[in-house]
Amino acid sequence: MQEEIKKEKKQKEPWFDWKKWLNYQSIVKQVPFLLFLTVLAVLYIFNGHYADNTIRAINKTAKEVQELKYEYISLKGELMLHSKPSELVKAVEVTGLKEPDRSPVVLADSTTINN
């Protein structure tokens, strides 16, 4: 008979005794662990924000590099255009300079010819 009562009590008792974990002393024991978890949560949130800001900065820098690349290509093309011989003639025509009609004359040193 006593064995049956013990079995019934065991079956009626909850598997986990919450009263044991919800008293003042056990809560005070858990405070350092809860503080540790809070610090970890704050660090996790900070790390997420830091990663987002870093990604934004990287994307902004990549966009600036792309714009500078386009500007470089554009300026290089303009330089190639303006350095063509026909464009140079047009540019210096305003100052009165003209392209020579005959080929340049090669000057020789007169001291070396006579010897």
PDB file of N, CA and C in Angstrom:
ATOM      1  N   MET A   1       0.811  -1.182   0.000  1.00  0.00           N
ATOM      2  CA  MET A   1       0.000   0.000   0.000  1.00  0.00           C
ATOM      3  C   MET A   1       0.869   1.265   0.000  1.00  0.00           C
ATOM      4  N   GLN A   2       1.895   1.271   0.805  1.00  0.00           N
ATOM      5  CA  GLN A   2       2.774   2.436   0.875  1.00  0.00           C
ATOM      6  C   GLN A   2       3.536   2.630  -0.439  1.00  0.00           C
ATOM      7  N   GLU A   3       3.858   1.554  -1.044  1.00  0.00           N
ATOM      8  CA  GLU A   3       4.565   1.644  -2.327  1.00  0.00           C
ATOM      9  C   GLU A   3       3.673   2.283  -3.384  1.00  0.00           C
ATOM     10  N   GLU A   4       2.399   1.985  -3.337  1.00  0.00           N
ATOM     11  CA  GLU A   4       1.463   2.559  -4.307  1.00  0.00           C
ATOM     12  C   GLU A   4       1.314   4.069  -4.081  1.00  0.00           C
ATOM     13  N   ILE A   5       1.314   4.481  -2.832  1.00  0.00           N
ATOM     14  CA  ILE A   5       1.211   5.917  -2.520  1.00  0.00           C
ATOM     15  C   ILE A   5       2.466   6.643  -2.994  1.00  0.00           C
ATOM     16  N   LYS A   6       3.625   6.047  -2.790  1.00  0.00           N
ATOM     17  CA  LYS A   6       4.875   6.644  -3.241  1.00  0.00           C
ATOM     18  C   LYS A   6       4.896   6.775  -4.767  1.00  0.00           C
ATOM     19  N   LYS A   7       4.403   5.776  -5.447  1.00  0.00           N
ATOM     20  CA  LYS A   7       4.364   5.815  -6.905  1.00  0.00           C
ATOM     21  C   LYS A   7       3.416   6.916  -7.384  1.00  0.00           C
ATOM     22  N   GLU A   8       2.308   7.075  -6.700  1.00  0.00           N
ATOM     23  CA  GLU A   8       1.345   8.107  -7.077  1.00  0.00           C
ATOM     24  C   GLU A   8       1.936   9.508  -6.841  1.00  0.00           C
ATOM     25  N   LYS A   9       2.655   9.687  -5.725  1.00  0.00           N
ATOM     26  CA  LYS A   9       3.282  10.971  -5.443  1.00  0.00           C
ATOM     27  C   LYS A   9       4.347  11.297  -6.496  1.00  0.00           C
ATOM     28  N   LYS A  10       5.110  10.303  -6.869  1.00  0.00           N
ATOM     29  CA  LYS A  10       6.143  10.508  -7.867  1.00  0.00           C
ATOM     30  C   LYS A  10       5.523  10.877  -9.206  1.00  0.00           C
ATOM     31  N   GLN A  11       4.411  10.271  -9.503  1.00  0.00           N
ATOM     32  CA  GLN A  11       3.759  10.567 -10.768  1.00  0.00           C
ATOM     33  C   GLN A  11       3.111  11.952 -10.748  1.00  0.00           C
ATOM     34  N   LYS A  12       2.642  12.406  -9.627  1.00  0.00           N
ATOM     35  CA  LYS A  12       1.994  13.701  -9.535  1.00  0.00           C
ATOM     36  C   LYS A  12       2.989  14.850  -9.412  1.00  0.00           C
ATOM     37  N   GLU A  13       4.148  14.575  -8.897  1.00  0.00           N
ATOM     38  CA  GLU A  13       5.155  15.628  -8.768  1.00  0.00           C
ATOM     39  C   GLU A  13       5.639  16.042 -10.155  1.00  0.00           C
ATOM     40  N   PRO A  14       5.842  17.330 -10.353  1.00  0.00           N
ATOM     41  CA  PRO A  14       6.332  17.773 -11.671  1.00  0.00           C
ATOM     42  C   PRO A  14       7.761  17.278 -11.907  1.00  0.00           C
ATOM     43  N   TRP A  15       8.074  17.141 -13.141  1.00  0.00           N
ATOM     44  CA  TRP A  15       9.400  16.647 -13.507  1.00  0.00           C
ATOM     45  C   TRP A  15      10.482  17.632 -13.067  1.00  0.00           C
ATOM     46  N   PHE A  16      10.167  18.926 -13.128  1.00  0.00           N
ATOM     47  CA  PHE A  16      11.129  19.959 -12.760  1.00  0.00           C
ATOM     48  C   PHE A  16      10.488  20.843 -11.712  1.00  0.00           C
ATOM     49  N   ASP A  17      11.151  21.006 -10.608  1.00  0.00           N
ATOM     50  CA  ASP A  17      10.594  21.788  -9.509  1.00  0.00           C
ATOM     51  C   ASP A  17      10.965  23.258  -9.692  1.00  0.00           C
ATOM     52  N   TRP A  18       9.996  24.066 -10.155  1.00  0.00           N
ATOM     53  CA  TRP A  18      10.238  25.485 -10.409  1.00  0.00           C
ATOM     54  C   TRP A  18      10.406  26.283  -9.118  1.00  0.00           C
ATOM     55  N   LYS A  19       9.835  25.843  -8.061  1.00  0.00           N
ATOM     56  CA  LYS A  19       9.970  26.559  -6.790  1.00  0.00           C
ATOM     57  C   LYS A  19      11.430  26.600  -6.334  1.00  0.00           C
ATOM     58  N   LYS A  20      12.128  25.561  -6.655  1.00  0.00           N
ATOM     59  CA  LYS A  20      13.544  25.504  -6.287  1.00  0.00           C
ATOM     60  C   LYS A  20      14.336  26.586  -7.036  1.00  0.00           C
ATOM     61  N   TRP A  21      13.980  26.885  -8.265  1.00  0.00           N
ATOM     62  CA  TRP A  21      14.710  27.844  -9.074  1.00  0.00           C
ATOM     63  C   TRP A  21      14.203  29.275  -8.939  1.00  0.00           C
ATOM     64  N   LEU A  22      13.030  29.468  -8.383  1.00  0.00           N
ATOM     65  CA  LEU A  22      12.456  30.806  -8.293  1.00  0.00           C
ATOM     66  C   LEU A  22      12.516  31.425  -6.902  1.00  0.00           C
ATOM     67  N   ASN A  23      13.294  30.872  -6.023  1.00  0.00           N
ATOM     68  CA  ASN A  23      13.423  31.515  -4.717  1.00  0.00           C
ATOM     69  C   ASN A  23      14.536  32.563  -4.764  1.00  0.00           C
ATOM     70  N   TYR A  24      14.589  33.423  -3.779  1.00  0.00           N
ATOM     71  CA  TYR A  24      15.490  34.575  -3.760  1.00  0.00           C
ATOM     72  C   TYR A  24      16.956  34.154  -3.850  1.00  0.00           C
ATOM     73  N   GLN A  25      17.330  33.161  -3.098  1.00  0.00           N
ATOM     74  CA  GLN A  25      18.734  32.751  -3.038  1.00  0.00           C
ATOM     75  C   GLN A  25      19.225  32.229  -4.398  1.00  0.00           C
ATOM     76  N   SER A  26      18.427  31.460  -5.067  1.00  0.00           N
ATOM     77  CA  SER A  26      18.873  30.928  -6.358  1.00  0.00           C
ATOM     78  C   SER A  26      18.905  32.024  -7.430  1.00  0.00           C
ATOM     79  N   ILE A  27      18.005  33.010  -7.325  1.00  0.00           N
ATOM     80  CA  ILE A  27      18.025  34.123  -8.267  1.00  0.00           C
ATOM     81  C   ILE A  27      19.280  34.961  -8.068  1.00  0.00           C
ATOM     82  N   VAL A  28      19.653  35.217  -6.816  1.00  0.00           N
ATOM     83  CA  VAL A  28      20.863  35.979  -6.519  1.00  0.00           C
ATOM     84  C   VAL A  28      22.096  35.229  -7.025  1.00  0.00           C
ATOM     85  N   LYS A  29      22.079  33.924  -6.959  1.00  0.00           N
ATOM     86  CA  LYS A  29      23.197  33.137  -7.478  1.00  0.00           C
ATOM     87  C   LYS A  29      23.337  33.297  -8.994  1.00  0.00           C
ATOM     88  N   GLN A  30      22.218  33.482  -9.671  1.00  0.00           N
ATOM     89  CA  GLN A  30      22.217  33.544 -11.138  1.00  0.00           C
ATOM     90  C   GLN A  30      22.521  34.941 -11.682  1.00  0.00           C
ATOM     91  N   VAL A  31      22.600  35.968 -10.843  1.00  0.00           N
ATOM     92  CA  VAL A  31      22.820  37.340 -11.298  1.00  0.00           C
ATOM     93  C   VAL A  31      24.116  37.485 -12.096  1.00  0.00           C
ATOM     94  N   PRO A  32      25.252  36.961 -11.659  1.00  0.00           N
ATOM     95  CA  PRO A  32      26.473  37.115 -12.477  1.00  0.00           C
ATOM     96  C   PRO A  32      26.330  36.491 -13.869  1.00  0.00           C
ATOM     97  N   PHE A  33      25.689  35.343 -13.934  1.00  0.00           N
ATOM     98  CA  PHE A  33      25.492  34.703 -15.230  1.00  0.00           C
ATOM     99  C   PHE A  33      24.567  35.537 -16.114  1.00  0.00           C
ATOM    100  N   LEU A  34      23.533  36.104 -15.516  1.00  0.00           N
ATOM    101  CA  LEU A  34      22.619  36.958 -16.282  1.00  0.00           C
ATOM    102  C   LEU A  34      23.333  38.222 -16.762  1.00  0.00           C
ATOM    103  N   LEU A  35      24.188  38.786 -15.931  1.00  0.00           N
ATOM    104  CA  LEU A  35      24.978  39.942 -16.357  1.00  0.00           C
ATOM    105  C   LEU A  35      25.917  39.576 -17.503  1.00  0.00           C
ATOM    106  N   PHE A  36      26.509  38.408 -17.409  1.00  0.00           N
ATOM    107  CA  PHE A  36      27.382  37.921 -18.484  1.00  0.00           C
ATOM    108  C   PHE A  36      26.599  37.789 -19.783  1.00  0.00           C
ATOM    109  N   LEU A  37      25.410  37.217 -19.713  1.00  0.00           N
ATOM    110  CA  LEU A  37      24.572  37.090 -20.908  1.00  0.00           C
ATOM    111  C   LEU A  37      24.175  38.454 -21.461  1.00  0.00           C
ATOM    112  N   THR A  38      23.916  39.412 -20.573  1.00  0.00           N
ATOM    113  CA  THR A  38      23.566  40.762 -21.006  1.00  0.00           C
ATOM    114  C   THR A  38      24.740  41.411 -21.739  1.00  0.00           C
ATOM    115  N   VAL A  39      25.933  41.253 -21.197  1.00  0.00           N
ATOM    116  CA  VAL A  39      27.127  41.810 -21.848  1.00  0.00           C
ATOM    117  C   VAL A  39      27.324  41.162 -23.219  1.00  0.00           C
ATOM    118  N   LEU A  40      27.125  39.852 -23.300  1.00  0.00           N
ATOM    119  CA  LEU A  40      27.255  39.178 -24.596  1.00  0.00           C
ATOM    120  C   LEU A  40      26.231  39.698 -25.592  1.00  0.00           C
ATOM    121  N   ALA A  41      25.007  39.927 -25.142  1.00  0.00           N
ATOM    122  CA  ALA A  41      23.961  40.444 -26.030  1.00  0.00           C
ATOM    123  C   ALA A  41      24.314  41.841 -26.522  1.00  0.00           C
ATOM    124  N   VAL A  42      24.811  42.687 -25.631  1.00  0.00           N
ATOM    125  CA  VAL A  42      25.199  44.046 -26.029  1.00  0.00           C
ATOM    126  C   VAL A  42      26.357  43.991 -27.029  1.00  0.00           C
ATOM    127  N   LEU A  43      27.345  43.136 -26.783  1.00  0.00           N
ATOM    128  CA  LEU A  43      28.459  42.992 -27.721  1.00  0.00           C
ATOM    129  C   LEU A  43      27.985  42.471 -29.076  1.00  0.00           C
ATOM    130  N   TYR A  44      27.043  41.564 -29.070  1.00  0.00           N
ATOM    131  CA  TYR A  44      26.494  41.014 -30.309  1.00  0.00           C
ATOM    132  C   TYR A  44      25.793  42.105 -31.118  1.00  0.00           C
ATOM    133  N   ILE A  45      25.015  42.936 -30.442  1.00  0.00           N
ATOM    134  CA  ILE A  45      24.314  44.036 -31.116  1.00  0.00           C
ATOM    135  C   ILE A  45      25.331  45.055 -31.641  1.00  0.00           C
ATOM    136  N   PHE A  46      26.316  45.400 -30.815  1.00  0.00           N
ATOM    137  CA  PHE A  46      27.359  46.336 -31.241  1.00  0.00           C
ATOM    138  C   PHE A  46      28.098  45.809 -32.461  1.00  0.00           C
ATOM    139  N   ASN A  47      28.425  44.538 -32.447  1.00  0.00           N
ATOM    140  CA  ASN A  47      29.153  43.938 -33.571  1.00  0.00           C
ATOM    141  C   ASN A  47      28.318  44.004 -34.846  1.00  0.00           C
ATOM    142  N   GLY A  48      27.035  43.790 -34.744  1.00  0.00           N
ATOM    143  CA  GLY A  48      26.157  43.884 -35.906  1.00  0.00           C
ATOM    144  C   GLY A  48      26.130  45.290 -36.478  1.00  0.00           C
ATOM    145  N   HIS A  49      26.002  46.290 -35.598  1.00  0.00           N
ATOM    146  CA  HIS A  49      25.995  47.681 -36.051  1.00  0.00           C
ATOM    147  C   HIS A  49      27.348  48.060 -36.656  1.00  0.00           C
ATOM    148  N   TYR A  50      28.417  47.622 -36.046  1.00  0.00           N
ATOM    149  CA  TYR A  50      29.755  47.924 -36.554  1.00  0.00           C
ATOM    150  C   TYR A  50      29.961  47.306 -37.937  1.00  0.00           C
ATOM    151  N   ALA A  51      29.505  46.073 -38.106  1.00  0.00           N
ATOM    152  CA  ALA A  51      29.626  45.409 -39.412  1.00  0.00           C
ATOM    153  C   ALA A  51      28.807  46.146 -40.471  1.00  0.00           C
ATOM    154  N   ASP A  52      27.597  46.575 -40.123  1.00  0.00           N
ATOM    155  CA  ASP A  52      26.768  47.330 -41.070  1.00  0.00           C
ATOM    156  C   ASP A  52      27.455  48.632 -41.481  1.00  0.00           C
ATOM    157  N   ASN A  53      27.990  49.354 -40.515  1.00  0.00           N
ATOM    158  CA  ASN A  53      28.672  50.618 -40.817  1.00  0.00           C
ATOM    159  C   ASN A  53      29.916  50.380 -41.674  1.00  0.00           C
ATOM    160  N   THR A  54      30.640  49.312 -41.397  1.00  0.00           N
ATOM    161  CA  THR A  54      31.830  48.994 -42.182  1.00  0.00           C
ATOM    162  C   THR A  54      31.449  48.651 -43.616  1.00  0.00           C
ATOM    163  N   ILE A  55      30.389  47.890 -43.783  1.00  0.00           N
ATOM    164  CA  ILE A  55      29.928  47.533 -45.128  1.00  0.00           C
ATOM    165  C   ILE A  55      29.483  48.777 -45.886  1.00  0.00           C
ATOM    166  N   ARG A  56      28.787  49.684 -45.208  1.00  0.00           N
ATOM    167  CA  ARG A  56      28.383  50.941 -45.858  1.00  0.00           C
ATOM    168  C   ARG A  56      29.605  51.743 -46.303  1.00  0.00           C
ATOM    169  N   ALA A  57      30.617  51.813 -45.459  1.00  0.00           N
ATOM    170  CA  ALA A  57      31.831  52.568 -45.803  1.00  0.00           C
ATOM    171  C   ALA A  57      32.553  51.912 -46.989  1.00  0.00           C
ATOM    172  N   ILE A  58      32.603  50.599 -47.011  1.00  0.00           N
ATOM    173  CA  ILE A  58      33.247  49.888 -48.114  1.00  0.00           C
ATOM    174  C   ILE A  58      32.493  50.146 -49.417  1.00  0.00           C
ATOM    175  N   ASN A  59      31.172  50.083 -49.370  1.00  0.00           N
ATOM    176  CA  ASN A  59      30.369  50.328 -50.570  1.00  0.00           C
ATOM    177  C   ASN A  59      30.528  51.762 -51.060  1.00  0.00           C
ATOM    178  N   LYS A  60      30.584  52.710 -50.117  1.00  0.00           N
ATOM    179  CA  LYS A  60      30.766  54.111 -50.493  1.00  0.00           C
ATOM    180  C   LYS A  60      32.122  54.308 -51.168  1.00  0.00           C
ATOM    181  N   THR A  61      33.160  53.704 -50.614  1.00  0.00           N
ATOM    182  CA  THR A  61      34.497  53.812 -51.186  1.00  0.00           C
ATOM    183  C   THR A  61      34.558  53.145 -52.559  1.00  0.00           C
ATOM    184  N   ALA A  62      33.901  52.012 -52.701  1.00  0.00           N
ATOM    185  CA  ALA A  62      33.882  51.322 -53.996  1.00  0.00           C
ATOM    186  C   ALA A  62      33.188  52.177 -55.052  1.00  0.00           C
ATOM    187  N   LYS A  63      32.109  52.854 -54.661  1.00  0.00           N
ATOM    188  CA  LYS A  63      31.410  53.736 -55.595  1.00  0.00           C
ATOM    189  C   LYS A  63      32.300  54.906 -56.004  1.00  0.00           C
ATOM    190  N   GLU A  64      33.024  55.489 -55.043  1.00  0.00           N
ATOM    191  CA  GLU A  64      33.937  56.590 -55.356  1.00  0.00           C
ATOM    192  C   GLU A  64      35.057  56.133 -56.281  1.00  0.00           C
ATOM    193  N   VAL A  65      35.576  54.937 -56.044  1.00  0.00           N
ATOM    194  CA  VAL A  65      36.637  54.403 -56.904  1.00  0.00           C
ATOM    195  C   VAL A  65      36.103  54.208 -58.322  1.00  0.00           C
ATOM    196  N   GLN A  66      34.886  53.702 -58.439  1.00  0.00           N
ATOM    197  CA  GLN A  66      34.283  53.501 -59.756  1.00  0.00           C
ATOM    198  C   GLN A  66      34.108  54.835 -60.486  1.00  0.00           C
ATOM    199  N   GLU A  67      33.642  55.871 -59.762  1.00  0.00           N
ATOM    200  CA  GLU A  67      33.484  57.189 -60.372  1.00  0.00           C
ATOM    201  C   GLU A  67      34.834  57.758 -60.807  1.00  0.00           C
ATOM    202  N   LEU A  68      35.866  57.589 -59.991  1.00  0.00           N
ATOM    203  CA  LEU A  68      37.201  58.061 -60.359  1.00  0.00           C
ATOM    204  C   LEU A  68      37.744  57.296 -61.568  1.00  0.00           C
ATOM    205  N   LYS A  69      37.418  56.025 -61.671  1.00  0.00           N
ATOM    206  CA  LYS A  69      37.841  55.239 -62.825  1.00  0.00           C
ATOM    207  C   LYS A  69      37.189  55.774 -64.096  1.00  0.00           C
ATOM    208  N   TYR A  70      35.888  56.078 -64.016  1.00  0.00           N
ATOM    209  CA  TYR A  70      35.189  56.648 -65.176  1.00  0.00           C
ATOM    210  C   TYR A  70      35.788  57.997 -65.563  1.00  0.00           C
ATOM    211  N   GLU A  71      36.095  58.819 -64.559  1.00  0.00           N
ATOM    212  CA  GLU A  71      36.686  60.123 -64.826  1.00  0.00           C
ATOM    213  C   GLU A  71      38.064  59.975 -65.471  1.00  0.00           C
ATOM    214  N   TYR A  72      38.852  59.020 -64.998  1.00  0.00           N
ATOM    215  CA  TYR A  72      40.175  58.762 -65.562  1.00  0.00           C
ATOM    216  C   TYR A  72      40.064  58.356 -67.030  1.00  0.00           C
ATOM    217  N   ILE A  73      39.143  57.453 -67.325  1.00  0.00           N
ATOM    218  CA  ILE A  73      38.974  56.994 -68.704  1.00  0.00           C
ATOM    219  C   ILE A  73      38.533  58.151 -69.596  1.00  0.00           C
ATOM    220  N   SER A  74      37.638  58.989 -69.097  1.00  0.00           N
ATOM    221  CA  SER A  74      37.155  60.136 -69.858  1.00  0.00           C
ATOM    222  C   SER A  74      38.284  61.125 -70.141  1.00  0.00           C
ATOM    223  N   LEU A  75      39.071  61.449 -69.121  1.00  0.00           N
ATOM    224  CA  LEU A  75      40.186  62.387 -69.303  1.00  0.00           C
ATOM    225  C   LEU A  75      41.260  61.807 -70.219  1.00  0.00           C
ATOM    226  N   LYS A  76      41.486  60.535 -70.124  1.00  0.00           N
ATOM    227  CA  LYS A  76      42.472  59.887 -70.985  1.00  0.00           C
ATOM    228  C   LYS A  76      42.027  59.965 -72.444  1.00  0.00           C
ATOM    229  N   GLY A  77      40.732  59.763 -72.680  1.00  0.00           N
ATOM    230  CA  GLY A  77      40.207  59.885 -74.040  1.00  0.00           C
ATOM    231  C   GLY A  77      40.330  61.297 -74.582  1.00  0.00           C
ATOM    232  N   GLU A  78      40.033  62.288 -73.743  1.00  0.00           N
ATOM    233  CA  GLU A  78      40.171  63.686 -74.166  1.00  0.00           C
ATOM    234  C   GLU A  78      41.630  64.016 -74.478  1.00  0.00           C
ATOM    235  N   LEU A  79      42.544  63.530 -73.666  1.00  0.00           N
ATOM    236  CA  LEU A  79      43.968  63.775 -73.907  1.00  0.00           C
ATOM    237  C   LEU A  79      44.412  63.147 -75.222  1.00  0.00           C
ATOM    238  N   MET A  80      43.949  61.928 -75.481  1.00  0.00           N
ATOM    239  CA  MET A  80      44.289  61.271 -76.741  1.00  0.00           C
ATOM    240  C   MET A  80      43.746  62.064 -77.923  1.00  0.00           C
ATOM    241  N   LEU A  81      42.544  62.604 -77.770  1.00  0.00           N
ATOM    242  CA  LEU A  81      41.945  63.389 -78.841  1.00  0.00           C
ATOM    243  C   LEU A  81      42.729  64.677 -79.090  1.00  0.00           C
ATOM    244  N   HIS A  82      43.082  65.372 -78.022  1.00  0.00           N
ATOM    245  CA  HIS A  82      43.774  66.654 -78.167  1.00  0.00           C
ATOM    246  C   HIS A  82      45.238  66.507 -78.551  1.00  0.00           C
ATOM    247  N   SER A  83      45.802  65.340 -78.400  1.00  0.00           N
ATOM    248  CA  SER A  83      47.213  65.173 -78.752  1.00  0.00           C
ATOM    249  C   SER A  83      47.389  64.628 -80.174  1.00  0.00           C
ATOM    250  N   LYS A  84      46.318  64.473 -80.925  1.00  0.00           N
ATOM    251  CA  LYS A  84      46.437  64.076 -82.336  1.00  0.00           C
ATOM    252  C   LYS A  84      47.080  65.229 -83.107  1.00  0.00           C
ATOM    253  N   PRO A  85      47.863  64.915 -84.115  1.00  0.00           N
ATOM    254  CA  PRO A  85      48.533  65.987 -84.879  1.00  0.00           C
ATOM    255  C   PRO A  85      47.542  66.975 -85.507  1.00  0.00           C
ATOM    256  N   SER A  86      46.422  66.507 -85.998  1.00  0.00           N
ATOM    257  CA  SER A  86      45.467  67.423 -86.617  1.00  0.00           C
ATOM    258  C   SER A  86      44.862  68.372 -85.583  1.00  0.00           C
ATOM    259  N   GLU A  87      44.626  67.875 -84.382  1.00  0.00           N
ATOM    260  CA  GLU A  87      44.088  68.728 -83.319  1.00  0.00           C
ATOM    261  C   GLU A  87      45.138  69.728 -82.837  1.00  0.00           C
ATOM    262  N   LEU A  88      46.397  69.317 -82.798  1.00  0.00           N
ATOM    263  CA  LEU A  88      47.471  70.225 -82.392  1.00  0.00           C
ATOM    264  C   LEU A  88      47.615  71.382 -83.388  1.00  0.00           C
ATOM    265  N   VAL A  89      47.487  71.086 -84.674  1.00  0.00           N
ATOM    266  CA  VAL A  89      47.584  72.134 -85.691  1.00  0.00           C
ATOM    267  C   VAL A  89      46.471  73.155 -85.491  1.00  0.00           C
ATOM    268  N   LYS A  90      45.250  72.668 -85.223  1.00  0.00           N
ATOM    269  CA  LYS A  90      44.126  73.573 -84.984  1.00  0.00           C
ATOM    270  C   LYS A  90      44.360  74.426 -83.739  1.00  0.00           C
ATOM    271  N   ALA A  91      44.952  73.844 -82.709  1.00  0.00           N
ATOM    272  CA  ALA A  91      45.152  74.553 -81.450  1.00  0.00           C
ATOM    273  C   ALA A  91      46.206  75.652 -81.567  1.00  0.00           C
ATOM    274  N   VAL A  92      47.285  75.411 -82.326  1.00  0.00           N
ATOM    275  CA  VAL A  92      48.359  76.397 -82.414  1.00  0.00           C
ATOM    276  C   VAL A  92      48.154  77.357 -83.583  1.00  0.00           C
ATOM    277  N   GLU A  93      47.178  77.129 -84.431  1.00  0.00           N
ATOM    278  CA  GLU A  93      46.891  78.011 -85.559  1.00  0.00           C
ATOM    279  C   GLU A  93      46.485  79.399 -85.080  1.00  0.00           C
ATOM    280  N   VAL A  94      45.847  79.470 -83.921  1.00  0.00           N
ATOM    281  CA  VAL A  94      45.408  80.737 -83.352  1.00  0.00           C
ATOM    282  C   VAL A  94      46.610  81.611 -83.005  1.00  0.00           C
ATOM    283  N   THR A  95      47.692  81.022 -82.582  1.00  0.00           N
ATOM    284  CA  THR A  95      48.880  81.789 -82.197  1.00  0.00           C
ATOM    285  C   THR A  95      49.727  82.197 -83.395  1.00  0.00           C
ATOM    286  N   GLY A  96      49.400  81.711 -84.589  1.00  0.00           N
ATOM    287  CA  GLY A  96      50.140  82.092 -85.784  1.00  0.00           C
ATOM    288  C   GLY A  96      51.165  81.065 -86.204  1.00  0.00           C
ATOM    289  N   LEU A  97      51.321  80.008 -85.504  1.00  0.00           N
ATOM    290  CA  LEU A  97      52.266  78.964 -85.892  1.00  0.00           C
ATOM    291  C   LEU A  97      51.637  78.104 -86.980  1.00  0.00           C
ATOM    292  N   LYS A  98      52.496  77.699 -87.936  1.00  0.00           N
ATOM    293  CA  LYS A  98      52.023  76.862 -89.029  1.00  0.00           C
ATOM    294  C   LYS A  98      52.895  75.626 -89.122  1.00  0.00           C
ATOM    295  N   GLU A  99      52.340  74.596 -89.725  1.00  0.00           N
ATOM    296  CA  GLU A  99      53.094  73.360 -89.929  1.00  0.00           C
ATOM    297  C   GLU A  99      54.064  73.581 -91.088  1.00  0.00           C
ATOM    298  N   PRO A 100      55.309  73.169 -90.929  1.00  0.00           N
ATOM    299  CA  PRO A 100      56.277  73.395 -92.012  1.00  0.00           C
ATOM    300  C   PRO A 100      55.922  72.588 -93.260  1.00  0.00           C
ATOM    301  N   ASP A 101      56.196  73.193 -94.444  1.00  0.00           N
ATOM    302  CA  ASP A 101      55.883  72.537 -95.709  1.00  0.00           C
ATOM    303  C   ASP A 101      56.990  71.573 -96.142  1.00  0.00           C
ATOM    304  N   ARG A 102      58.230  71.874 -95.778  1.00  0.00           N
ATOM    305  CA  ARG A 102      59.332  71.022 -96.186  1.00  0.00           C
ATOM    306  C   ARG A 102      59.931  70.334 -94.963  1.00  0.00           C
ATOM    307  N   SER A 103      60.685  69.321 -95.229  1.00  0.00           N
ATOM    308  CA  SER A 103      61.280  68.553 -94.141  1.00  0.00           C
ATOM    309  C   SER A 103      62.404  69.347 -93.486  1.00  0.00           C
ATOM    310  N   PRO A 104      62.722  69.040 -92.249  1.00  0.00           N
ATOM    311  CA  PRO A 104      63.772  69.785 -91.555  1.00  0.00           C
ATOM    312  C   PRO A 104      65.154  69.502 -92.159  1.00  0.00           C
ATOM    313  N   VAL A 105      66.026  70.502 -92.067  1.00  0.00           N
ATOM    314  CA  VAL A 105      67.385  70.386 -92.587  1.00  0.00           C
ATOM    315  C   VAL A 105      68.283  69.912 -91.454  1.00  0.00           C
ATOM    316  N   VAL A 106      69.140  68.939 -91.790  1.00  0.00           N
ATOM    317  CA  VAL A 106      70.080  68.419 -90.803  1.00  0.00           C
ATOM    318  C   VAL A 106      71.353  69.257 -90.899  1.00  0.00           C
ATOM    319  N   LEU A 107      71.765  69.841 -89.808  1.00  0.00           N
ATOM    320  CA  LEU A 107      72.973  70.656 -89.762  1.00  0.00           C
ATOM    321  C   LEU A 107      74.155  69.774 -89.399  1.00  0.00           C
ATOM    322  N   ALA A 108      75.249  70.040 -90.074  1.00  0.00           N
ATOM    323  CA  ALA A 108      76.461  69.279 -89.796  1.00  0.00           C
ATOM    324  C   ALA A 108      77.473  70.219 -89.147  1.00  0.00           C
ATOM    325  N   ASP A 109      78.330  69.678 -88.337  1.00  0.00           N
ATOM    326  CA  ASP A 109      79.361  70.456 -87.673  1.00  0.00           C
ATOM    327  C   ASP A 109      80.468  70.751 -88.693  1.00  0.00           C
ATOM    328  N   SER A 110      80.765  72.011 -88.900  1.00  0.00           N
ATOM    329  CA  SER A 110      81.731  72.400 -89.937  1.00  0.00           C
ATOM    330  C   SER A 110      83.160  72.051 -89.546  1.00  0.00           C
ATOM    331  N   THR A 111      83.446  71.906 -88.301  1.00  0.00           N
ATOM    332  CA  THR A 111      84.799  71.582 -87.882  1.00  0.00           C
ATOM    333  C   THR A 111      85.154  70.136 -88.176  1.00  0.00           C
ATOM    334  N   THR A 112      84.194  69.285 -88.194  1.00  0.00           N
ATOM    335  CA  THR A 112      84.486  67.864 -88.444  1.00  0.00           C
ATOM    336  C   THR A 112      84.540  67.559 -89.936  1.00  0.00           C
ATOM    337  N   ILE A 113      83.945  68.364 -90.767  1.00  0.00           N
ATOM    338  CA  ILE A 113      83.946  68.113 -92.202  1.00  0.00           C
ATOM    339  C   ILE A 113      85.317  68.467 -92.808  1.00  0.00           C
ATOM    340  N   ASN A 114      85.915  69.569 -92.403  1.00  0.00           N
ATOM    341  CA  ASN A 114      87.188  70.022 -92.962  1.00  0.00           C
ATOM    342  C   ASN A 114      88.357  69.135 -92.541  1.00  0.00           C
ATOM    343  N   ASN A 115      88.307  68.506 -91.494  1.00  0.00           N
ATOM    344  CA  ASN A 115      89.439  67.694 -91.040  1.00  0.00           C
ATOM    345  C   ASN A 115      89.498  66.394 -91.686  1.00  0.00           C
TER     346      ASN A 115
END
